[in-house]
Amino acid sequence: MEKELDLTGLYCPMPIMRTREEIDKAQLGDVLKVKADDPAAEEDLKRWASRSGQEIVGIMKEGEVITVTIRRVK
C-alpha cells in the first residue's frame, strides 16, 4: 500500500514525529511518500530512516518541496 503524507509548513521536529507515527501504523512493505518544505527535512528523514531501519526508496525535489519515499521494512 502507498500513502502520501503532506507535511509542508511544518518544521523540526514535526516532520520526523509525524513520519514515525505513520510508519508505525503501516504494514511491512508499505510505502510512505513524505512531502516537506523544512530545509532540514531531507537530512533529518534520511538519518531517521537509517536509525529506525527503514528504506529510503527515493528523494525528489521540486522547488522548496522535497518528497522522500520510505518503505517500511522493520
PDB file of N, CA and C in Angstrom:
ATOM      1  N   MET A   1       0.846  -1.180   0.000  1.00  0.00           N
ATOM      2  CA  MET A   1       0.000   0.000   0.000  1.00  0.00           C
ATOM      3  C   MET A   1       0.893   1.245   0.000  1.00  0.00           C
ATOM      4  N   GLU A   2       0.436   2.291  -0.658  1.00  0.00           N
ATOM      5  CA  GLU A   2       1.192   3.539  -0.713  1.00  0.00           C
ATOM      6  C   GLU A   2       0.337   4.659  -0.134  1.00  0.00           C
ATOM      7  N   LYS A   3       0.956   5.449   0.739  1.00  0.00           N
ATOM      8  CA  LYS A   3       0.247   6.570   1.359  1.00  0.00           C
ATOM      9  C   LYS A   3       1.093   7.813   1.207  1.00  0.00           C
ATOM     10  N   GLU A   4       0.431   8.969   1.106  1.00  0.00           N
ATOM     11  CA  GLU A   4       1.148  10.234   0.987  1.00  0.00           C
ATOM     12  C   GLU A   4       0.882  11.067   2.234  1.00  0.00           C
ATOM     13  N   LEU A   5       1.939  11.683   2.746  1.00  0.00           N
ATOM     14  CA  LEU A   5       1.858  12.498   3.951  1.00  0.00           C
ATOM     15  C   LEU A   5       2.386  13.887   3.600  1.00  0.00           C
ATOM     16  N   ASP A   6       1.505  14.882   3.614  1.00  0.00           N
ATOM     17  CA  ASP A   6       1.900  16.250   3.267  1.00  0.00           C
ATOM     18  C   ASP A   6       2.235  17.015   4.546  1.00  0.00           C
ATOM     19  N   LEU A   7       3.514  17.278   4.738  1.00  0.00           N
ATOM     20  CA  LEU A   7       3.979  17.968   5.939  1.00  0.00           C
ATOM     21  C   LEU A   7       4.518  19.356   5.618  1.00  0.00           C
ATOM     22  N   THR A   8       4.128  19.903   4.466  1.00  0.00           N
ATOM     23  CA  THR A   8       4.600  21.243   4.119  1.00  0.00           C
ATOM     24  C   THR A   8       4.056  22.226   5.159  1.00  0.00           C
ATOM     25  N   GLY A   9       4.914  23.172   5.523  1.00  0.00           N
ATOM     26  CA  GLY A   9       4.537  24.155   6.528  1.00  0.00           C
ATOM     27  C   GLY A   9       4.919  23.752   7.942  1.00  0.00           C
ATOM     28  N   LEU A  10       5.342  22.493   8.127  1.00  0.00           N
ATOM     29  CA  LEU A  10       5.749  22.030   9.458  1.00  0.00           C
ATOM     30  C   LEU A  10       7.269  22.011   9.549  1.00  0.00           C
ATOM     31  N   TYR A  11       7.762  22.316  10.723  1.00  0.00           N
ATOM     32  CA  TYR A  11       9.210  22.368  10.922  1.00  0.00           C
ATOM     33  C   TYR A  11       9.630  21.458  12.058  1.00  0.00           C
ATOM     34  N   CYS A  12      10.931  21.165  12.094  1.00  0.00           N
ATOM     35  CA  CYS A  12      11.531  20.260  13.047  1.00  0.00           C
ATOM     36  C   CYS A  12      11.005  20.541  14.454  1.00  0.00           C
ATOM     37  N   PRO A  13      10.572  19.532  15.152  1.00  0.00           N
ATOM     38  CA  PRO A  13      10.706  18.095  14.904  1.00  0.00           C
ATOM     39  C   PRO A  13       9.464  17.445  14.296  1.00  0.00           C
ATOM     40  N   MET A  14       8.461  18.241  13.909  1.00  0.00           N
ATOM     41  CA  MET A  14       7.185  17.677  13.462  1.00  0.00           C
ATOM     42  C   MET A  14       7.279  16.726  12.263  1.00  0.00           C
ATOM     43  N   PRO A  15       8.055  17.016  11.204  1.00  0.00           N
ATOM     44  CA  PRO A  15       8.101  16.057  10.098  1.00  0.00           C
ATOM     45  C   PRO A  15       8.564  14.657  10.531  1.00  0.00           C
ATOM     46  N   ILE A  16       9.546  14.589  11.409  1.00  0.00           N
ATOM     47  CA  ILE A  16      10.018  13.278  11.884  1.00  0.00           C
ATOM     48  C   ILE A  16       8.964  12.611  12.752  1.00  0.00           C
ATOM     49  N   MET A  17       8.375  13.372  13.657  1.00  0.00           N
ATOM     50  CA  MET A  17       7.362  12.792  14.555  1.00  0.00           C
ATOM     51  C   MET A  17       6.167  12.240  13.762  1.00  0.00           C
ATOM     52  N   ARG A  18       5.662  13.024  12.808  1.00  0.00           N
ATOM     53  CA  ARG A  18       4.501  12.583  12.025  1.00  0.00           C
ATOM     54  C   ARG A  18       4.860  11.403  11.120  1.00  0.00           C
ATOM     55  N   THR A  19       6.072  11.410  10.543  1.00  0.00           N
ATOM     56  CA  THR A  19       6.514  10.299   9.703  1.00  0.00           C
ATOM     57  C   THR A  19       6.594   9.023  10.535  1.00  0.00           C
ATOM     58  N   ARG A  20       7.174   9.113  11.711  1.00  0.00           N
ATOM     59  CA  ARG A  20       7.288   7.948  12.588  1.00  0.00           C
ATOM     60  C   ARG A  20       5.901   7.400  12.954  1.00  0.00           C
ATOM     61  N   GLU A  21       4.952   8.289  13.269  1.00  0.00           N
ATOM     62  CA  GLU A  21       3.584   7.854  13.585  1.00  0.00           C
ATOM     63  C   GLU A  21       2.978   7.070  12.428  1.00  0.00           C
ATOM     64  N   GLU A  22       3.143   7.582  11.206  1.00  0.00           N
ATOM     65  CA  GLU A  22       2.561   6.915  10.034  1.00  0.00           C
ATOM     66  C   GLU A  22       3.253   5.593   9.724  1.00  0.00           C
ATOM     67  N   ILE A  23       4.571   5.543   9.833  1.00  0.00           N
ATOM     68  CA  ILE A  23       5.308   4.294   9.573  1.00  0.00           C
ATOM     69  C   ILE A  23       4.908   3.243  10.602  1.00  0.00           C
ATOM     70  N   ASP A  24       4.701   3.664  11.855  1.00  0.00           N
ATOM     71  CA  ASP A  24       4.296   2.717  12.903  1.00  0.00           C
ATOM     72  C   ASP A  24       2.938   2.086  12.595  1.00  0.00           C
ATOM     73  N   LYS A  25       2.069   2.816  11.897  1.00  0.00           N
ATOM     74  CA  LYS A  25       0.746   2.295  11.521  1.00  0.00           C
ATOM     75  C   LYS A  25       0.799   1.408  10.278  1.00  0.00           C
ATOM     76  N   ALA A  26       1.855   1.552   9.489  1.00  0.00           N
ATOM     77  CA  ALA A  26       1.965   0.856   8.205  1.00  0.00           C
ATOM     78  C   ALA A  26       2.330  -0.616   8.387  1.00  0.00           C
ATOM     79  N   GLN A  27       2.022  -1.411   7.367  1.00  0.00           N
ATOM     80  CA  GLN A  27       2.396  -2.818   7.329  1.00  0.00           C
ATOM     81  C   GLN A  27       3.783  -2.932   6.693  1.00  0.00           C
ATOM     82  N   LEU A  28       4.466  -4.026   6.958  1.00  0.00           N
ATOM     83  CA  LEU A  28       5.754  -4.260   6.316  1.00  0.00           C
ATOM     84  C   LEU A  28       5.585  -4.203   4.801  1.00  0.00           C
ATOM     85  N   GLY A  29       6.478  -3.500   4.125  1.00  0.00           N
ATOM     86  CA  GLY A  29       6.419  -3.373   2.673  1.00  0.00           C
ATOM     87  C   GLY A  29       5.640  -2.164   2.195  1.00  0.00           C
ATOM     88  N   ASP A  30       4.838  -1.546   3.074  1.00  0.00           N
ATOM     89  CA  ASP A  30       4.096  -0.353   2.681  1.00  0.00           C
ATOM     90  C   ASP A  30       5.055   0.789   2.388  1.00  0.00           C
ATOM     91  N   VAL A  31       4.614   1.701   1.535  1.00  0.00           N
ATOM     92  CA  VAL A  31       5.426   2.843   1.137  1.00  0.00           C
ATOM     93  C   VAL A  31       4.730   4.128   1.574  1.00  0.00           C
ATOM     94  N   LEU A  32       5.518   5.034   2.121  1.00  0.00           N
ATOM     95  CA  LEU A  32       5.019   6.332   2.568  1.00  0.00           C
ATOM     96  C   LEU A  32       5.782   7.422   1.824  1.00  0.00           C
ATOM     97  N   LYS A  33       5.041   8.287   1.124  1.00  0.00           N
ATOM     98  CA  LYS A  33       5.653   9.435   0.434  1.00  0.00           C
ATOM     99  C   LYS A  33       5.456  10.655   1.322  1.00  0.00           C
ATOM    100  N   VAL A  34       6.568  11.193   1.801  1.00  0.00           N
ATOM    101  CA  VAL A  34       6.535  12.322   2.724  1.00  0.00           C
ATOM    102  C   VAL A  34       6.938  13.587   1.978  1.00  0.00           C
ATOM    103  N   LYS A  35       6.030  14.574   1.948  1.00  0.00           N
ATOM    104  CA  LYS A  35       6.322  15.873   1.325  1.00  0.00           C
ATOM    105  C   LYS A  35       6.579  16.876   2.442  1.00  0.00           C
ATOM    106  N   ALA A  36       7.688  17.613   2.320  1.00  0.00           N
ATOM    107  CA  ALA A  36       8.021  18.608   3.333  1.00  0.00           C
ATOM    108  C   ALA A  36       8.773  19.769   2.695  1.00  0.00           C
ATOM    109  N   ASP A  37       8.674  20.928   3.340  1.00  0.00           N
ATOM    110  CA  ASP A  37       9.438  22.080   2.863  1.00  0.00           C
ATOM    111  C   ASP A  37      10.377  22.638   3.931  1.00  0.00           C
ATOM    112  N   ASP A  38      10.521  21.923   5.034  1.00  0.00           N
ATOM    113  CA  ASP A  38      11.500  22.286   6.053  1.00  0.00           C
ATOM    114  C   ASP A  38      12.884  22.048   5.450  1.00  0.00           C
ATOM    115  N   PRO A  39      13.767  23.059   5.460  1.00  0.00           N
ATOM    116  CA  PRO A  39      15.099  22.882   4.864  1.00  0.00           C
ATOM    117  C   PRO A  39      15.886  21.712   5.465  1.00  0.00           C
ATOM    118  N   ALA A  40      15.599  21.341   6.705  1.00  0.00           N
ATOM    119  CA  ALA A  40      16.325  20.243   7.357  1.00  0.00           C
ATOM    120  C   ALA A  40      15.676  18.883   7.111  1.00  0.00           C
ATOM    121  N   ALA A  41      14.528  18.847   6.469  1.00  0.00           N
ATOM    122  CA  ALA A  41      13.762  17.604   6.354  1.00  0.00           C
ATOM    123  C   ALA A  41      14.516  16.481   5.648  1.00  0.00           C
ATOM    124  N   GLU A  42      15.210  16.775   4.558  1.00  0.00           N
ATOM    125  CA  GLU A  42      15.888  15.710   3.818  1.00  0.00           C
ATOM    126  C   GLU A  42      16.895  14.987   4.706  1.00  0.00           C
ATOM    127  N   GLU A  43      17.799  15.727   5.324  1.00  0.00           N
ATOM    128  CA  GLU A  43      18.808  15.095   6.178  1.00  0.00           C
ATOM    129  C   GLU A  43      18.175  14.434   7.386  1.00  0.00           C
ATOM    130  N   ASP A  44      17.199  15.098   8.000  1.00  0.00           N
ATOM    131  CA  ASP A  44      16.528  14.533   9.178  1.00  0.00           C
ATOM    132  C   ASP A  44      15.853  13.211   8.843  1.00  0.00           C
ATOM    133  N   LEU A  45      15.139  13.161   7.718  1.00  0.00           N
ATOM    134  CA  LEU A  45      14.428  11.937   7.338  1.00  0.00           C
ATOM    135  C   LEU A  45      15.400  10.823   6.967  1.00  0.00           C
ATOM    136  N   LYS A  46      16.500  11.167   6.286  1.00  0.00           N
ATOM    137  CA  LYS A  46      17.486  10.145   5.942  1.00  0.00           C
ATOM    138  C   LYS A  46      18.113   9.555   7.205  1.00  0.00           C
ATOM    139  N   ARG A  47      18.468  10.425   8.158  1.00  0.00           N
ATOM    140  CA  ARG A  47      19.045   9.930   9.421  1.00  0.00           C
ATOM    141  C   ARG A  47      18.045   9.086  10.192  1.00  0.00           C
ATOM    142  N   TRP A  48      16.796   9.552  10.262  1.00  0.00           N
ATOM    143  CA  TRP A  48      15.780   8.807  10.992  1.00  0.00           C
ATOM    144  C   TRP A  48      15.564   7.427  10.358  1.00  0.00           C
ATOM    145  N   ALA A  49      15.470   7.375   9.036  1.00  0.00           N
ATOM    146  CA  ALA A  49      15.259   6.098   8.347  1.00  0.00           C
ATOM    147  C   ALA A  49      16.414   5.143   8.632  1.00  0.00           C
ATOM    148  N   SER A  50      17.611   5.647   8.591  1.00  0.00           N
ATOM    149  CA  SER A  50      18.785   4.816   8.859  1.00  0.00           C
ATOM    150  C   SER A  50      18.751   4.268  10.286  1.00  0.00           C
ATOM    151  N   ARG A  51      18.471   5.124  11.244  1.00  0.00           N
ATOM    152  CA  ARG A  51      18.424   4.696  12.651  1.00  0.00           C
ATOM    153  C   ARG A  51      17.288   3.718  12.929  1.00  0.00           C
ATOM    154  N   SER A  52      16.158   3.924  12.258  1.00  0.00           N
ATOM    155  CA  SER A  52      14.988   3.087  12.548  1.00  0.00           C
ATOM    156  C   SER A  52      14.913   1.849  11.658  1.00  0.00           C
ATOM    157  N   GLY A  53      15.851   1.719  10.721  1.00  0.00           N
ATOM    158  CA  GLY A  53      15.897   0.533   9.877  1.00  0.00           C
ATOM    159  C   GLY A  53      14.925   0.542   8.713  1.00  0.00           C
ATOM    160  N   GLN A  54      14.437   1.730   8.325  1.00  0.00           N
ATOM    161  CA  GLN A  54      13.520   1.823   7.186  1.00  0.00           C
ATOM    162  C   GLN A  54      14.326   2.112   5.918  1.00  0.00           C
ATOM    163  N   GLU A  55      13.711   1.865   4.770  1.00  0.00           N
ATOM    164  CA  GLU A  55      14.407   2.009   3.491  1.00  0.00           C
ATOM    165  C   GLU A  55      13.962   3.272   2.758  1.00  0.00           C
ATOM    166  N   ILE A  56      14.923   4.127   2.394  1.00  0.00           N
ATOM    167  CA  ILE A  56      14.620   5.280   1.547  1.00  0.00           C
ATOM    168  C   ILE A  56      14.588   4.776   0.105  1.00  0.00           C
ATOM    169  N   VAL A  57      13.425   4.873  -0.523  1.00  0.00           N
ATOM    170  CA  VAL A  57      13.246   4.394  -1.889  1.00  0.00           C
ATOM    171  C   VAL A  57      13.622   5.479  -2.888  1.00  0.00           C
ATOM    172  N   GLY A  58      13.352   6.732  -2.545  1.00  0.00           N
ATOM    173  CA  GLY A  58      13.679   7.813  -3.457  1.00  0.00           C
ATOM    174  C   GLY A  58      13.542   9.171  -2.804  1.00  0.00           C
ATOM    175  N   ILE A  59      14.224  10.144  -3.389  1.00  0.00           N
ATOM    176  CA  ILE A  59      14.151  11.529  -2.932  1.00  0.00           C
ATOM    177  C   ILE A  59      14.006  12.401  -4.169  1.00  0.00           C
ATOM    178  N   MET A  60      12.995  13.263  -4.153  1.00  0.00           N
ATOM    179  CA  MET A  60      12.742  14.139  -5.292  1.00  0.00           C
ATOM    180  C   MET A  60      12.533  15.561  -4.779  1.00  0.00           C
ATOM    181  N   LYS A  61      13.141  16.525  -5.449  1.00  0.00           N
ATOM    182  CA  LYS A  61      12.993  17.925  -5.058  1.00  0.00           C
ATOM    183  C   LYS A  61      12.275  18.684  -6.162  1.00  0.00           C
ATOM    184  N   GLU A  62      11.292  19.474  -5.744  1.00  0.00           N
ATOM    185  CA  GLU A  62      10.573  20.362  -6.663  1.00  0.00           C
ATOM    186  C   GLU A  62      10.519  21.727  -5.998  1.00  0.00           C
ATOM    187  N   GLY A  63      11.420  22.614  -6.373  1.00  0.00           N
ATOM    188  CA  GLY A  63      11.480  23.926  -5.734  1.00  0.00           C
ATOM    189  C   GLY A  63      11.846  23.775  -4.267  1.00  0.00           C
ATOM    190  N   GLU A  64      11.004  24.305  -3.403  1.00  0.00           N
ATOM    191  CA  GLU A  64      11.244  24.242  -1.956  1.00  0.00           C
ATOM    192  C   GLU A  64      10.777  22.916  -1.349  1.00  0.00           C
ATOM    193  N   VAL A  65       9.982  22.154  -2.087  1.00  0.00           N
ATOM    194  CA  VAL A  65       9.367  20.937  -1.538  1.00  0.00           C
ATOM    195  C   VAL A  65      10.200  19.702  -1.890  1.00  0.00           C
ATOM    196  N   ILE A  66      10.435  18.897  -0.880  1.00  0.00           N
ATOM    197  CA  ILE A  66      11.136  17.631  -1.074  1.00  0.00           C
ATOM    198  C   ILE A  66      10.147  16.508  -0.799  1.00  0.00           C
ATOM    199  N   THR A  67      10.218  15.452  -1.604  1.00  0.00           N
ATOM    200  CA  THR A  67       9.404  14.267  -1.376  1.00  0.00           C
ATOM    201  C   THR A  67      10.365  13.111  -1.114  1.00  0.00           C
ATOM    202  N   VAL A  68      10.238  12.535   0.080  1.00  0.00           N
ATOM    203  CA  VAL A  68      11.066  11.400   0.465  1.00  0.00           C
ATOM    204  C   VAL A  68      10.160  10.177   0.517  1.00  0.00           C
ATOM    205  N   THR A  69      10.485   9.161  -0.262  1.00  0.00           N
ATOM    206  CA  THR A  69       9.693   7.943  -0.309  1.00  0.00           C
ATOM    207  C   THR A  69      10.369   6.898   0.567  1.00  0.00           C
ATOM    208  N   ILE A  70       9.620   6.382   1.543  1.00  0.00           N
ATOM    209  CA  ILE A  70      10.156   5.470   2.546  1.00  0.00           C
ATOM    210  C   ILE A  70       9.347   4.174   2.535  1.00  0.00           C
ATOM    211  N   ARG A  71      10.053   3.042   2.539  1.00  0.00           N
ATOM    212  CA  ARG A  71       9.375   1.739   2.619  1.00  0.00           C
ATOM    213  C   ARG A  71       9.600   1.178   4.026  1.00  0.00           C
ATOM    214  N   ARG A  72       8.502   0.710   4.633  1.00  0.00           N
ATOM    215  CA  ARG A  72       8.629   0.095   5.960  1.00  0.00           C
ATOM    216  C   ARG A  72       9.197  -1.312   5.781  1.00  0.00           C
ATOM    217  N   VAL A  73      10.354  -1.547   6.365  1.00  0.00           N
ATOM    218  CA  VAL A  73      10.987  -2.856   6.269  1.00  0.00           C
ATOM    219  C   VAL A  73      11.228  -3.471   7.645  1.00  0.00           C
ATOM    220  N   LYS A  74      10.903  -2.750   8.687  1.00  0.00           N
ATOM    221  CA  LYS A  74      11.100  -3.244  10.043  1.00  0.00           C
ATOM    222  C   LYS A  74       9.912  -2.954  10.906  1.00  0.00           C
TER     223      LYS A  74
END
